[in-house]
């Protein structure tokens, strides 16, 4: 939801370079979040935009309990709406 608010305010999603940090420390305007959540294994979420698996939105994922990039990563591309 916070990324959608960012996109509404700025007209685009933050780049991979700025990542989720743009939500708490935007280049201009007010922050959307006070702090970034960690995944269930106390690691930062990984953010890629443009997405490698999502064509029109960012990829956001966790490396999971093994903390290694692998085929069992947990990401927003697995959400069906």
N, C-alpha and C. Protein backbone atom coordinates (compact mmCIF):
# COMPACT_ATOMS: atom_id res chain seq x y z
N UNK A 1 0.82 -1.19 0.00
CA UNK A 1 0.00 0.00 0.00
C UNK A 1 0.87 1.25 0.00
N UNK A 2 1.94 1.22 0.77
CA UNK A 2 2.81 2.40 0.86
C UNK A 2 3.43 2.72 -0.50
N UNK A 3 3.80 1.70 -1.26
CA UNK A 3 4.37 1.95 -2.59
C UNK A 3 3.34 2.54 -3.54
N UNK A 4 2.09 2.14 -3.40
CA UNK A 4 1.04 2.73 -4.23
C UNK A 4 0.82 4.19 -3.87
N UNK A 5 0.92 4.53 -2.59
CA UNK A 5 0.82 5.94 -2.17
C UNK A 5 1.98 6.72 -2.77
N UNK A 6 3.18 6.15 -2.71
CA UNK A 6 4.36 6.81 -3.30
C UNK A 6 4.12 7.07 -4.78
N UNK A 7 3.62 6.07 -5.48
CA UNK A 7 3.37 6.22 -6.92
C UNK A 7 2.32 7.29 -7.18
N UNK A 8 1.29 7.36 -6.37
CA UNK A 8 0.28 8.40 -6.54
C UNK A 8 0.86 9.79 -6.31
N UNK A 9 1.73 9.93 -5.33
CA UNK A 9 2.34 11.23 -5.03
C UNK A 9 3.34 11.67 -6.09
N UNK A 10 4.13 10.73 -6.61
CA UNK A 10 5.25 11.08 -7.48
C UNK A 10 5.05 10.70 -8.93
N UNK A 11 4.06 9.84 -9.21
CA UNK A 11 3.80 9.45 -10.59
C UNK A 11 4.58 8.23 -11.04
N UNK A 12 5.37 7.64 -10.15
CA UNK A 12 6.19 6.47 -10.50
C UNK A 12 6.59 5.76 -9.22
N UNK A 13 7.00 4.49 -9.35
CA UNK A 13 7.56 3.76 -8.22
C UNK A 13 9.02 4.17 -8.05
N UNK A 14 9.58 4.06 -6.83
CA UNK A 14 11.01 4.34 -6.66
C UNK A 14 11.84 3.33 -7.47
N UNK A 15 12.99 3.78 -7.93
CA UNK A 15 13.90 2.89 -8.65
C UNK A 15 14.53 1.89 -7.69
N UNK A 16 15.15 0.87 -8.24
CA UNK A 16 15.88 -0.10 -7.42
C UNK A 16 16.93 0.62 -6.58
N UNK A 17 17.58 1.60 -7.18
CA UNK A 17 18.63 2.35 -6.48
C UNK A 17 18.12 2.99 -5.19
N UNK A 18 16.95 3.63 -5.25
CA UNK A 18 16.38 4.28 -4.07
C UNK A 18 15.63 3.28 -3.19
N UNK A 19 15.05 2.27 -3.79
CA UNK A 19 14.40 1.18 -3.08
C UNK A 19 13.34 1.61 -2.10
N UNK A 20 13.12 0.73 -1.15
CA UNK A 20 12.09 0.98 -0.14
C UNK A 20 12.47 2.15 0.78
N UNK A 21 13.73 2.50 0.81
CA UNK A 21 14.18 3.66 1.61
C UNK A 21 13.44 4.93 1.20
N UNK A 22 13.00 5.00 -0.05
CA UNK A 22 12.26 6.17 -0.54
C UNK A 22 10.96 6.37 0.23
N UNK A 23 10.46 5.33 0.87
CA UNK A 23 9.23 5.44 1.64
C UNK A 23 9.45 6.16 2.97
N UNK A 24 10.65 6.05 3.52
CA UNK A 24 10.94 6.71 4.80
C UNK A 24 11.81 7.95 4.64
N UNK A 25 12.46 8.07 3.49
CA UNK A 25 13.34 9.21 3.24
C UNK A 25 13.22 9.63 1.77
N UNK A 26 12.05 10.17 1.39
CA UNK A 26 11.88 10.55 -0.02
C UNK A 26 12.75 11.76 -0.38
N UNK A 27 13.05 11.88 -1.67
CA UNK A 27 13.84 13.03 -2.13
C UNK A 27 13.09 14.33 -1.90
N UNK A 28 11.77 14.28 -2.06
CA UNK A 28 10.96 15.46 -1.76
C UNK A 28 9.63 15.00 -1.20
N UNK A 29 9.04 15.82 -0.37
CA UNK A 29 7.78 15.46 0.26
C UNK A 29 7.96 14.78 1.60
N UNK A 30 6.84 14.42 2.18
CA UNK A 30 6.84 13.80 3.50
C UNK A 30 7.03 12.29 3.40
N UNK A 31 7.64 11.70 4.41
CA UNK A 31 7.76 10.23 4.44
C UNK A 31 6.39 9.57 4.47
N UNK A 32 6.29 8.40 3.91
CA UNK A 32 5.05 7.64 3.93
C UNK A 32 5.04 6.68 5.11
N UNK A 33 6.20 6.22 5.51
CA UNK A 33 6.33 5.29 6.64
C UNK A 33 7.38 5.84 7.61
N UNK A 34 7.25 5.47 8.88
CA UNK A 34 8.24 5.87 9.89
C UNK A 34 9.47 4.98 9.83
N UNK A 35 9.26 3.70 9.56
CA UNK A 35 10.36 2.75 9.47
C UNK A 35 9.94 1.61 8.55
N UNK A 36 10.92 0.90 8.05
CA UNK A 36 10.64 -0.22 7.15
C UNK A 36 10.52 -1.51 7.95
N UNK A 37 9.52 -2.32 7.61
CA UNK A 37 9.39 -3.60 8.31
C UNK A 37 10.47 -4.58 7.85
N UNK A 38 10.81 -5.50 8.71
CA UNK A 38 11.73 -6.59 8.36
C UNK A 38 10.90 -7.82 8.04
N UNK A 39 11.50 -8.74 7.29
CA UNK A 39 10.80 -10.00 7.00
C UNK A 39 10.74 -10.84 8.29
N UNK A 40 10.02 -11.96 8.29
CA UNK A 40 9.91 -12.76 9.51
C UNK A 40 11.23 -13.30 10.06
N UNK A 41 12.30 -13.22 9.28
CA UNK A 41 13.61 -13.71 9.70
C UNK A 41 14.54 -12.55 10.04
N UNK A 42 13.95 -11.38 10.29
CA UNK A 42 14.67 -10.16 10.68
C UNK A 42 15.67 -9.68 9.64
N UNK A 43 15.34 -9.87 8.38
CA UNK A 43 16.16 -9.39 7.27
C UNK A 43 15.38 -8.32 6.50
N UNK A 44 16.09 -7.47 5.78
CA UNK A 44 15.43 -6.49 4.92
C UNK A 44 14.77 -7.18 3.74
N UNK A 45 13.63 -6.65 3.33
CA UNK A 45 13.02 -7.12 2.10
C UNK A 45 13.84 -6.64 0.92
N UNK A 46 13.83 -7.37 -0.16
CA UNK A 46 14.54 -6.99 -1.38
C UNK A 46 13.54 -6.36 -2.32
N UNK A 47 13.93 -5.24 -2.92
CA UNK A 47 13.07 -4.46 -3.78
C UNK A 47 13.76 -4.28 -5.12
N UNK A 48 13.03 -4.57 -6.21
CA UNK A 48 13.56 -4.38 -7.56
C UNK A 48 12.48 -3.74 -8.42
N UNK A 49 12.82 -2.60 -9.02
CA UNK A 49 11.90 -1.96 -9.96
C UNK A 49 12.70 -1.36 -11.11
N UNK A 50 12.34 -1.66 -12.33
CA UNK A 50 11.19 -2.49 -12.70
C UNK A 50 11.41 -3.93 -12.28
N UNK A 51 10.30 -4.60 -11.99
CA UNK A 51 10.36 -5.97 -11.50
C UNK A 51 10.88 -6.95 -12.54
N UNK A 52 11.50 -7.99 -12.07
CA UNK A 52 11.95 -9.07 -12.95
C UNK A 52 10.83 -10.08 -13.18
N UNK A 53 9.95 -10.22 -12.21
CA UNK A 53 8.82 -11.16 -12.33
C UNK A 53 7.50 -10.43 -12.53
N UNK A 54 7.36 -9.23 -11.98
CA UNK A 54 6.18 -8.40 -12.19
C UNK A 54 6.51 -7.39 -13.28
N UNK A 55 5.71 -7.33 -14.29
CA UNK A 55 6.01 -6.43 -15.41
C UNK A 55 5.61 -4.99 -15.17
N UNK A 56 4.58 -4.78 -14.37
CA UNK A 56 4.06 -3.42 -14.19
C UNK A 56 4.26 -2.86 -12.80
N UNK A 57 4.85 -3.64 -11.92
CA UNK A 57 5.07 -3.16 -10.55
C UNK A 57 6.38 -3.75 -10.02
N UNK A 58 6.82 -3.28 -8.86
CA UNK A 58 8.08 -3.79 -8.31
C UNK A 58 7.98 -5.22 -7.82
N UNK A 59 9.11 -5.89 -7.78
CA UNK A 59 9.25 -7.16 -7.09
C UNK A 59 9.69 -6.84 -5.66
N UNK A 60 9.00 -7.42 -4.69
CA UNK A 60 9.38 -7.30 -3.29
C UNK A 60 9.41 -8.72 -2.75
N UNK A 61 10.55 -9.09 -2.18
CA UNK A 61 10.62 -10.47 -1.71
C UNK A 61 11.58 -10.65 -0.54
N UNK A 62 11.42 -11.79 0.10
CA UNK A 62 12.28 -12.22 1.18
C UNK A 62 13.03 -13.46 0.71
N UNK A 63 14.26 -13.60 1.14
CA UNK A 63 15.03 -14.79 0.80
C UNK A 63 14.59 -15.99 1.62
N UNK A 64 13.72 -15.78 2.59
CA UNK A 64 13.20 -16.88 3.39
C UNK A 64 14.14 -17.30 4.50
N UNK A 65 13.84 -18.41 5.14
CA UNK A 65 14.62 -18.83 6.31
C UNK A 65 16.07 -19.20 6.00
N UNK A 66 16.37 -19.59 4.77
CA UNK A 66 17.76 -19.94 4.45
C UNK A 66 18.61 -18.70 4.15
N UNK A 67 17.95 -17.53 3.99
CA UNK A 67 18.61 -16.24 3.76
C UNK A 67 19.52 -16.24 2.53
N UNK A 68 19.18 -17.09 1.55
CA UNK A 68 19.93 -17.16 0.29
C UNK A 68 18.96 -17.00 -0.87
N UNK A 69 19.41 -16.31 -1.92
CA UNK A 69 18.56 -16.18 -3.10
C UNK A 69 18.42 -17.56 -3.74
N UNK A 70 17.17 -18.00 -3.88
CA UNK A 70 16.91 -19.33 -4.42
C UNK A 70 15.49 -19.38 -5.00
N UNK A 71 15.11 -20.52 -5.53
CA UNK A 71 13.79 -20.69 -6.12
C UNK A 71 12.67 -20.68 -5.08
N UNK A 72 12.99 -20.82 -3.81
CA UNK A 72 11.94 -20.83 -2.79
C UNK A 72 11.78 -19.48 -2.10
N UNK A 73 12.29 -18.40 -2.70
CA UNK A 73 12.10 -17.07 -2.14
C UNK A 73 10.61 -16.74 -2.10
N UNK A 74 10.24 -15.91 -1.15
CA UNK A 74 8.84 -15.55 -0.94
C UNK A 74 8.65 -14.13 -1.45
N UNK A 75 7.83 -13.97 -2.51
CA UNK A 75 7.69 -12.66 -3.12
C UNK A 75 6.27 -12.29 -3.47
N UNK A 76 6.09 -11.00 -3.81
CA UNK A 76 4.76 -10.51 -4.15
C UNK A 76 4.27 -11.04 -5.48
N UNK A 77 5.08 -11.70 -6.26
CA UNK A 77 4.61 -12.30 -7.50
C UNK A 77 3.79 -13.56 -7.23
N UNK A 78 3.83 -14.05 -5.99
CA UNK A 78 3.08 -15.24 -5.64
C UNK A 78 1.66 -14.92 -5.18
N UNK A 79 1.36 -13.63 -5.04
CA UNK A 79 0.04 -13.20 -4.58
C UNK A 79 -0.90 -13.19 -5.78
N UNK A 80 -2.02 -13.84 -5.65
CA UNK A 80 -3.03 -13.88 -6.71
C UNK A 80 -4.21 -13.02 -6.29
N UNK A 81 -4.54 -12.03 -7.11
CA UNK A 81 -5.68 -11.16 -6.79
C UNK A 81 -6.63 -11.13 -7.94
